[in-house]
C-alpha cells in the first residue's frame, strides 16, 4: 500500500473510531446516575482520604454525574469541549477554596476517568463487538482529556482569586465572596453552604456598611434562639458586607441592630431565598448605601428605592435636578436654601404645612408662601402627582450629592 493509501486508511479508521465513540457516549447518557454511583462506591474503597470529603458537593454522586455528563457531551459534540473545560476550572477553584489537597482531587478524577473508559469499552463490546479493536484509536484521545484536565486543575489551584482576596484566605470567605459576586453555580452554592455551616435555601439579606472593626463588637453574630447567623466580608478597603441568616427574624430586627452602632452608614438589601440570590441582595444593598445622607443612617432598599435609583446613575440624576430646579440657580443662596429646606420639611411632615411650620419654627403662612414661590419658579404644582414626583426626585439628588 502506498503512503497516500495508508494515510487514507488511517483517516477512515479515525473517522470510524470517532463515530463509534460518539455512539457509545449517546447510549451511556441514560445511565449517568448509575455510573456516578459506581464511581462513588469505588472511591470509598480505593482512595484513602476520600471519605474525609464525602460531603463535598463535587465529590457526591450528583457532582460526579455532572462531570461525567459533560465529558459524554463533548464526545458526542466537540463544541461542548469549552464548557467542559470551564467546569473543570470551576471545580478546581472550588476545591482549592475548600482545602482539598490537589493530589487527592487528581486521584479522585483519575479513578472516575478509569470507570468512564471501562464503561465506554463495555458499551462498544455489547453493541458493536466487531469494531471493538477501533477503541485502540481513541485511547490516546481519552488520556489526552485526562492530561488536560490535570493541567486545568493545577492552574486553578495556582491562580490567585481575582476578587481581591489573598490566596491563603479562609476557604469559607473565598466561597462567600464568590456568592456575593454571583460567580457560583449550583455546586458552588452547596459547597459554600457546607463550608459556612448554613442552609443553602435559608432566608438571607446583605448589608453594605462603611464600618470595619467597630462593627465586629457592636453587632451580635446572632440573636439567641433565632436560628440566625452573621457572616462578614471586607470590601472597598474600609467597610464590610454583612450576610445575615435571618432564621425566623424579620429584616427590621437586623436593621435595628445596625442602628445601634454610632456613626455607621449601612444599606440593607432585600430578603432573598437562598445563597444563590445573595448577589442580588448585595447589589441592592450597595445602592441603598449610596442613598445614605448622614453618618448613623441605615437605609433599607425596600424603603429607599427612589433614592437608590437616583444614586445609581449620577449623570441622569444631575440632568433631572438641573431640569427641575434649574430656575433656582439664579436666586441668592439664602433664598434658594430656604425654599428647598421648606419643601423638604413639608415632604418629611407628610405634606402638612402646620407640622412643617412647627419644625422650622415659623408661621404656617410662611411655609405656604415659600411653597407657592417654589411652584412659580419651577413651573410645577405640588397638587399634581407627576410634578410632585419630579420635585421629590430632584430634591433627593441634592441630598445625595450633599452627602
Foldseek 3Di string as FASTA:
>chain_A
DDPVVVVVVVVVLLVVLLVLLLVLLVVCLVVLLVLLVVLLVVCVPPAPPLVVCALQLCSDSVNLSVLSNLVSVCSNPVVSVVVSLVVLLVVLLLCLLVPDPLVSVLVSVVSSLVSSLVSSLVSCCVPPVVSSVSVVVCVVVSVVVSVVSSVSSVVSNPDADPQPDGSPPHSLQVLLSCLLQLNDDPSSLSNNCVSVVHDQFAKKKKKKKQADPLVVVQADQDDPPQSKGWDWDDPPVGIIIIMMRRRPHDPVVRLVSVLVRFQMQMFMFDIDGGSNCNNVNSVLRVLQSLLDQGGSDYGYSVVCVLLSVLSVDVVVLVVLLCLQVVLLVPPDPVLSCVLLLLVVLCVVVVNDLVSSCVVVVHDSVVSVVSPVVSCVRRVADCVDVVSVVSSVSSSSSVSSVND
